[in-house]
C-alpha atoms as a PDB file:
ATOM      1  CA  MET A   1    -162.675-155.729-114.696  1.00  0.00           C
ATOM      2  CA  ASP A   2    -162.542-154.553-118.309  1.00  0.00           C
ATOM      3  CA  VAL A   3    -162.536-157.661-120.529  1.00  0.00           C
ATOM      4  CA  ARG A   4    -161.176-155.653-123.464  1.00  0.00           C
ATOM      5  CA  SER A   5    -157.881-154.547-121.941  1.00  0.00           C
ATOM      6  CA  GLY A   6    -155.037-155.699-119.759  1.00  0.00           C
ATOM      7  CA  PRO A   7    -153.345-159.080-119.680  1.00  0.00           C
ATOM      8  CA  LEU A   8    -156.545-160.794-118.490  1.00  0.00           C
ATOM      9  CA  ASN A   9    -158.694-159.630-121.390  1.00  0.00           C
ATOM     10  CA  LEU A  10    -161.435-161.890-122.747  1.00  0.00           C
ATOM     11  CA  PRO A  11    -159.305-163.452-125.531  1.00  0.00           C
ATOM     12  CA  ASN A  12    -156.641-164.442-122.977  1.00  0.00           C
ATOM     13  CA  LEU A  13    -159.293-165.743-120.569  1.00  0.00           C
ATOM     14  CA  LEU A  14    -160.711-167.910-123.380  1.00  0.00           C
ATOM     15  CA  THR A  15    -157.213-169.251-124.020  1.00  0.00           C
ATOM     16  CA  LEU A  16    -156.781-170.043-120.320  1.00  0.00           C
ATOM     17  CA  ALA A  17    -160.185-171.764-120.344  1.00  0.00           C
ATOM     18  CA  ARG A  18    -158.937-173.934-123.212  1.00  0.00           C
ATOM     19  CA  ILE A  19    -155.976-175.025-121.091  1.00  0.00           C
ATOM     20  CA  ALA A  20    -158.310-175.631-118.123  1.00  0.00           C
ATOM     21  CA  CYS A  21    -160.376-178.020-120.309  1.00  0.00           C
ATOM     22  CA  ILE A  22    -157.458-180.439-120.635  1.00  0.00           C
ATOM     23  CA  PRO A  23    -157.913-182.310-117.299  1.00  0.00           C
ATOM     24  CA  LEU A  24    -161.652-182.685-118.017  1.00  0.00           C
ATOM     25  CA  LEU A  25    -160.916-184.035-121.511  1.00  0.00           C
ATOM     26  CA  MET A  26    -158.373-186.511-120.120  1.00  0.00           C
ATOM     27  CA  THR A  27    -160.791-187.671-117.400  1.00  0.00           C
ATOM     28  CA  LEU A  28    -163.559-188.260-119.943  1.00  0.00           C
ATOM     29  CA  LEU A  29    -161.181-190.304-122.102  1.00  0.00           C
ATOM     30  CA  LEU A  30    -160.427-192.578-119.146  1.00  0.00           C
ATOM     31  CA  MET A  31    -164.115-193.556-119.052  1.00  0.00           C
ATOM     32  CA  GLU A  32    -165.719-196.103-121.368  1.00  0.00           C
ATOM     33  CA  GLY A  33    -168.872-195.633-123.371  1.00  0.00           C
ATOM     34  CA  ARG A  34    -170.672-193.474-125.874  1.00  0.00           C
ATOM     35  CA  THR A  35    -171.721-190.812-123.389  1.00  0.00           C
ATOM     36  CA  SER A  36    -168.182-190.064-122.197  1.00  0.00           C
ATOM     37  CA  ALA A  37    -166.931-190.246-125.813  1.00  0.00           C
ATOM     38  CA  PHE A  38    -169.574-187.712-126.861  1.00  0.00           C
ATOM     39  CA  CYS A  39    -168.757-185.442-123.895  1.00  0.00           C
ATOM     40  CA  ALA A  40    -165.018-185.622-124.678  1.00  0.00           C
ATOM     41  CA  ALA A  41    -165.718-184.661-128.298  1.00  0.00           C
ATOM     42  CA  LEU A  42    -167.960-181.819-127.099  1.00  0.00           C
ATOM     43  CA  VAL A  43    -165.262-180.466-124.742  1.00  0.00           C
ATOM     44  CA  PHE A  44    -162.663-180.638-127.515  1.00  0.00           C
ATOM     45  CA  SER A  45    -165.045-178.979-130.008  1.00  0.00           C
ATOM     46  CA  LEU A  46    -165.751-176.118-127.598  1.00  0.00           C
ATOM     47  CA  ALA A  47    -162.004-175.691-127.079  1.00  0.00           C
ATOM     48  CA  ALA A  48    -161.519-175.558-130.860  1.00  0.00           C
ATOM     49  CA  ILE A  49    -164.225-172.877-131.123  1.00  0.00           C
ATOM     50  CA  THR A  50    -162.538-170.784-128.405  1.00  0.00           C
ATOM     51  CA  ASP A  51    -159.305-171.058-130.413  1.00  0.00           C
ATOM     52  CA  TRP A  52    -160.989-169.276-133.304  1.00  0.00           C
ATOM     53  CA  LEU A  53    -162.958-166.898-131.055  1.00  0.00           C
ATOM     54  CA  ASP A  54    -160.032-165.635-128.969  1.00  0.00           C
ATOM     55  CA  GLY A  55    -158.028-164.790-132.091  1.00  0.00           C
ATOM     56  CA  TYR A  56    -161.017-163.081-133.684  1.00  0.00           C
ATOM     57  CA  LEU A  57    -161.732-160.972-130.586  1.00  0.00           C
ATOM     58  CA  ALA A  58    -158.068-160.074-130.056  1.00  0.00           C
ATOM     59  CA  ARG A  59    -157.826-158.745-133.619  1.00  0.00           C
ATOM     60  CA  LYS A  60    -161.228-157.030-133.564  1.00  0.00           C
ATOM     61  CA  TRP A  61    -160.616-155.284-130.228  1.00  0.00           C
ATOM     62  CA  GLN A  62    -156.905-154.753-131.003  1.00  0.00           C
ATOM     63  CA  VAL A  63    -155.844-156.364-127.733  1.00  0.00           C
ATOM     64  CA  VAL A  64    -153.068-158.605-129.017  1.00  0.00           C
ATOM     65  CA  THR A  65    -150.772-159.040-125.997  1.00  0.00           C
ATOM     66  CA  VAL A  66    -147.422-160.712-125.369  1.00  0.00           C
ATOM     67  CA  LEU A  67    -149.190-163.089-122.963  1.00  0.00           C
ATOM     68  CA  GLY A  68    -151.747-163.944-125.638  1.00  0.00           C
ATOM     69  CA  LYS A  69    -149.045-164.554-128.251  1.00  0.00           C
ATOM     70  CA  PHE A  70    -147.407-166.999-125.852  1.00  0.00           C
ATOM     71  CA  LEU A  71    -150.535-168.703-124.476  1.00  0.00           C
ATOM     72  CA  ASP A  72    -152.550-169.182-127.687  1.00  0.00           C
ATOM     73  CA  PRO A  73    -150.187-171.533-129.563  1.00  0.00           C
ATOM     74  CA  LEU A  74    -149.277-173.228-126.264  1.00  0.00           C
ATOM     75  CA  ALA A  75    -152.946-173.946-125.487  1.00  0.00           C
ATOM     76  CA  ASP A  76    -153.490-175.350-129.006  1.00  0.00           C
ATOM     77  CA  LYS A  77    -150.508-177.675-128.749  1.00  0.00           C
ATOM     78  CA  LEU A  78    -151.347-178.815-125.206  1.00  0.00           C
ATOM     79  CA  ILE A  79    -154.946-179.802-125.934  1.00  0.00           C
ATOM     80  CA  VAL A  80    -154.050-181.540-129.217  1.00  0.00           C
ATOM     81  CA  MET A  81    -151.149-183.397-127.546  1.00  0.00           C
ATOM     82  CA  ALA A  82    -153.319-184.393-124.568  1.00  0.00           C
ATOM     83  CA  ALA A  83    -156.060-185.770-126.817  1.00  0.00           C
ATOM     84  CA  LEU A  84    -153.679-187.666-129.106  1.00  0.00           C
ATOM     85  CA  ILE A  85    -151.622-189.159-126.263  1.00  0.00           C
ATOM     86  CA  MET A  86    -154.783-190.290-124.459  1.00  0.00           C
ATOM     87  CA  LEU A  87    -156.053-191.926-127.681  1.00  0.00           C
ATOM     88  CA  ILE A  88    -152.946-194.157-127.999  1.00  0.00           C
ATOM     89  CA  PRO A  89    -153.742-196.621-125.162  1.00  0.00           C
ATOM     90  CA  LEU A  90    -157.351-196.742-126.357  1.00  0.00           C
ATOM     91  CA  GLY A  91    -156.030-198.133-129.651  1.00  0.00           C
ATOM     92  CA  ARG A  92    -157.558-195.352-131.726  1.00  0.00           C
ATOM     93  CA  VAL A  93    -154.318-193.964-133.197  1.00  0.00           C
ATOM     94  CA  PRO A  94    -150.895-195.526-133.802  1.00  0.00           C
ATOM     95  CA  ALA A  95    -148.220-194.324-131.371  1.00  0.00           C
ATOM     96  CA  TRP A  96    -145.618-193.785-134.124  1.00  0.00           C
ATOM     97  CA  ALA A  97    -147.923-191.387-136.004  1.00  0.00           C
ATOM     98  CA  VAL A  98    -148.594-189.386-132.831  1.00  0.00           C
ATOM     99  CA  PHE A  99    -144.828-189.239-132.241  1.00  0.00           C
ATOM    100  CA  VAL A 100    -144.320-187.838-135.764  1.00  0.00           C
ATOM    101  CA  LEU A 101    -146.983-185.155-135.180  1.00  0.00           C
ATOM    102  CA  LEU A 102    -145.554-184.145-131.812  1.00  0.00           C
ATOM    103  CA  ALA A 103    -141.943-184.226-133.034  1.00  0.00           C
ATOM    104  CA  ARG A 104    -142.845-181.870-135.878  1.00  0.00           C
ATOM    105  CA  GLU A 105    -144.449-179.429-133.436  1.00  0.00           C
ATOM    106  CA  ILE A 106    -141.404-179.475-131.137  1.00  0.00           C
ATOM    107  CA  VAL A 107    -138.925-179.002-134.019  1.00  0.00           C
ATOM    108  CA  ILE A 108    -140.876-176.139-135.609  1.00  0.00           C
ATOM    109  CA  THR A 109    -141.406-174.434-132.228  1.00  0.00           C
ATOM    110  CA  GLY A 110    -137.639-174.663-131.604  1.00  0.00           C
ATOM    111  CA  LEU A 111    -136.819-173.215-135.025  1.00  0.00           C
ATOM    112  CA  ARG A 112    -139.295-170.376-134.483  1.00  0.00           C
ATOM    113  CA  SER A 113    -137.587-169.574-131.169  1.00  0.00           C
ATOM    114  CA  ILE A 114    -134.161-169.505-132.853  1.00  0.00           C
ATOM    115  CA  ALA A 115    -135.469-167.277-135.657  1.00  0.00           C
ATOM    116  CA  ALA A 116    -137.192-164.941-133.181  1.00  0.00           C
ATOM    117  CA  SER A 117    -134.011-164.635-131.087  1.00  0.00           C
ATOM    118  CA  GLU A 118    -132.232-163.443-134.240  1.00  0.00           C
ATOM    119  CA  GLY A 119    -135.015-160.965-135.001  1.00  0.00           C
ATOM    120  CA  ILE A 120    -136.206-163.007-137.968  1.00  0.00           C
ATOM    121  CA  VAL A 121    -139.892-163.552-138.644  1.00  0.00           C
ATOM    122  CA  ILE A 122    -140.763-166.512-140.825  1.00  0.00           C
ATOM    123  CA  SER A 123    -144.373-166.254-141.862  1.00  0.00           C
ATOM    124  CA  ALA A 124    -146.558-169.318-141.422  1.00  0.00           C
ATOM    125  CA  SER A 125    -148.006-170.755-144.607  1.00  0.00           C
ATOM    126  CA  ASN A 126    -151.602-171.759-145.198  1.00  0.00           C
ATOM    127  CA  LEU A 127    -150.446-175.382-144.991  1.00  0.00           C
ATOM    128  CA  GLY A 128    -150.151-175.002-141.216  1.00  0.00           C
ATOM    129  CA  LYS A 129    -153.701-173.660-140.980  1.00  0.00           C
ATOM    130  CA  TYR A 130    -155.089-176.505-143.088  1.00  0.00           C
ATOM    131  CA  LYS A 131    -153.095-178.993-141.002  1.00  0.00           C
ATOM    132  CA  THR A 132    -154.649-177.616-137.828  1.00  0.00           C
ATOM    133  CA  ILE A 133    -158.193-177.827-139.241  1.00  0.00           C
ATOM    134  CA  LEU A 134    -157.651-181.430-140.367  1.00  0.00           C
ATOM    135  CA  GLN A 135    -156.186-182.335-136.971  1.00  0.00           C
ATOM    136  CA  MET A 136    -159.183-180.853-135.152  1.00  0.00           C
ATOM    137  CA  VAL A 137    -161.691-182.705-137.360  1.00  0.00           C
ATOM    138  CA  ALA A 138    -159.700-185.945-137.013  1.00  0.00           C
ATOM    139  CA  ILE A 139    -159.513-185.716-133.228  1.00  0.00           C
ATOM    140  CA  ILE A 140    -163.251-184.986-132.915  1.00  0.00           C
ATOM    141  CA  GLY A 141    -164.000-188.070-135.031  1.00  0.00           C
ATOM    142  CA  LEU A 142    -161.573-190.226-133.026  1.00  0.00           C
ATOM    143  CA  LEU A 143    -163.057-188.974-129.752  1.00  0.00           C
ATOM    144  CA  LEU A 144    -166.587-189.863-130.915  1.00  0.00           C
ATOM    145  CA  HIS A 145    -165.164-193.260-131.997  1.00  0.00           C
ATOM    146  CA  TYR A 146    -168.356-195.334-132.133  1.00  0.00           C
ATOM    147  CA  ASP A 147    -170.627-196.204-135.049  1.00  0.00           C
ATOM    148  CA  TYR A 148    -173.677-193.983-135.302  1.00  0.00           C
ATOM    149  CA  TYR A 149    -177.007-195.062-136.835  1.00  0.00           C
ATOM    150  CA  TRP A 150    -179.253-192.236-135.661  1.00  0.00           C
ATOM    151  CA  PHE A 151    -180.000-189.345-137.976  1.00  0.00           C
ATOM    152  CA  PHE A 152    -182.649-186.734-137.237  1.00  0.00           C
ATOM    153  CA  GLY A 153    -184.155-188.929-134.530  1.00  0.00           C
ATOM    154  CA  LEU A 154    -184.520-192.045-136.718  1.00  0.00           C
ATOM    155  CA  ARG A 155    -182.395-195.200-136.740  1.00  0.00           C
ATOM    156  CA  TYR A 156    -181.141-196.504-140.087  1.00  0.00           C
ATOM    157  CA  GLU A 157    -179.326-199.865-139.960  1.00  0.00           C
ATOM    158  CA  TRP A 158    -178.168-199.521-143.560  1.00  0.00           C
ATOM    159  CA  LEU A 159    -176.900-195.965-143.130  1.00  0.00           C
ATOM    160  CA  HIS A 160    -174.327-195.701-140.405  1.00  0.00           C
ATOM    161  CA  VAL A 161    -171.154-193.700-139.864  1.00  0.00           C
ATOM    162  CA  SER A 162    -168.077-195.137-138.198  1.00  0.00           C
ATOM    163  CA  MET A 163    -166.590-192.119-136.453  1.00  0.00           C
ATOM    164  CA  GLN A 164    -163.371-194.088-135.859  1.00  0.00           C
ATOM    165  CA  ARG A 165    -162.894-194.562-139.625  1.00  0.00           C
ATOM    166  CA  PHE A 166    -163.954-190.964-140.271  1.00  0.00           C
ATOM    167  CA  GLY A 167    -161.447-189.710-137.693  1.00  0.00           C
ATOM    168  CA  LEU A 168    -158.633-191.926-138.997  1.00  0.00           C
ATOM    169  CA  LEU A 169    -159.205-190.745-142.571  1.00  0.00           C
ATOM    170  CA  PHE A 170    -158.742-187.121-141.518  1.00  0.00           C
ATOM    171  CA  PHE A 171    -155.889-188.137-139.205  1.00  0.00           C
ATOM    172  CA  TRP A 172    -153.887-189.564-142.154  1.00  0.00           C
ATOM    173  CA  PHE A 173    -154.582-186.440-144.219  1.00  0.00           C
ATOM    174  CA  ALA A 174    -153.465-184.321-141.241  1.00  0.00           C
ATOM    175  CA  LEU A 175    -150.298-186.401-140.884  1.00  0.00           C
ATOM    176  CA  VAL A 176    -149.377-185.854-144.539  1.00  0.00           C
ATOM    177  CA  LEU A 177    -150.030-182.102-144.258  1.00  0.00           C
ATOM    178  CA  THR A 178    -148.102-182.004-140.972  1.00  0.00           C
ATOM    179  CA  LEU A 179    -145.013-183.444-142.666  1.00  0.00           C
ATOM    180  CA  TRP A 180    -145.468-181.262-145.748  1.00  0.00           C
ATOM    181  CA  SER A 181    -145.894-178.043-143.743  1.00  0.00           C
ATOM    182  CA  GLY A 182    -142.941-179.006-141.519  1.00  0.00           C
ATOM    183  CA  ILE A 183    -140.666-179.548-144.521  1.00  0.00           C
ATOM    184  CA  ASP A 184    -141.924-176.299-146.058  1.00  0.00           C
ATOM    185  CA  TYR A 185    -141.058-174.425-142.847  1.00  0.00           C
ATOM    186  CA  LEU A 186    -137.606-176.059-142.699  1.00  0.00           C
ATOM    187  CA  PHE A 187    -136.840-174.881-146.243  1.00  0.00           C
ATOM    188  CA  LYS A 188    -138.005-171.348-145.408  1.00  0.00           C
ATOM    189  CA  PHE A 189    -135.943-171.352-142.200  1.00  0.00           C
ATOM    190  CA  PHE A 190    -132.693-172.426-143.858  1.00  0.00           C
ATOM    191  CA  ARG A 191    -133.270-170.094-146.818  1.00  0.00           C
ATOM    192  CA  VAL A 192    -133.634-167.128-144.448  1.00  0.00           C
ATOM    193  CA  ILE A 193    -130.717-168.194-142.215  1.00  0.00           C
ATOM    194  CA  ASN A 194    -128.381-168.660-145.203  1.00  0.00           C
ATOM    195  CA  ARG A 195    -128.993-165.068-146.259  1.00  0.00           C
END
């Protein structure tokens, strides 16, 4: 099988692998303890890396496919939604904030579908890219959750990092950017439609 061509090229296989990681991530989040928290963060981090890698390879090898265009954003949304929804009962994120994030994604996806059906392309702004980066960092921090005292093999009681606080800080920044980028897209959509 040639991994550079056809619908099952390497970028699309990486995207499918990202989707396949979701049940493992959810299972790890059902377990208690630092080890499962670390493993969940590791799985999510690897999925985030494949998100960058599949896009890079698809552009480099010029194998952008219809399947890839459909699967890539779907895989991103599914793994982010799975992680955030699983974090709610653990008390790591407020349910209302997760609802706002997910509602924005659903609304913007719907508007993109309407625009595409009319042959209109509304370019994504950099706000969406920054929002995604902040979300990924926030979720990794929230998955790690615990306080960490170990740095370079040594334990420092006075120097510790609360990954829950770290994750929440980035989560609030991501929420603000999510709303901002959503409003920005709405304005672009209605400006284009009114023409």
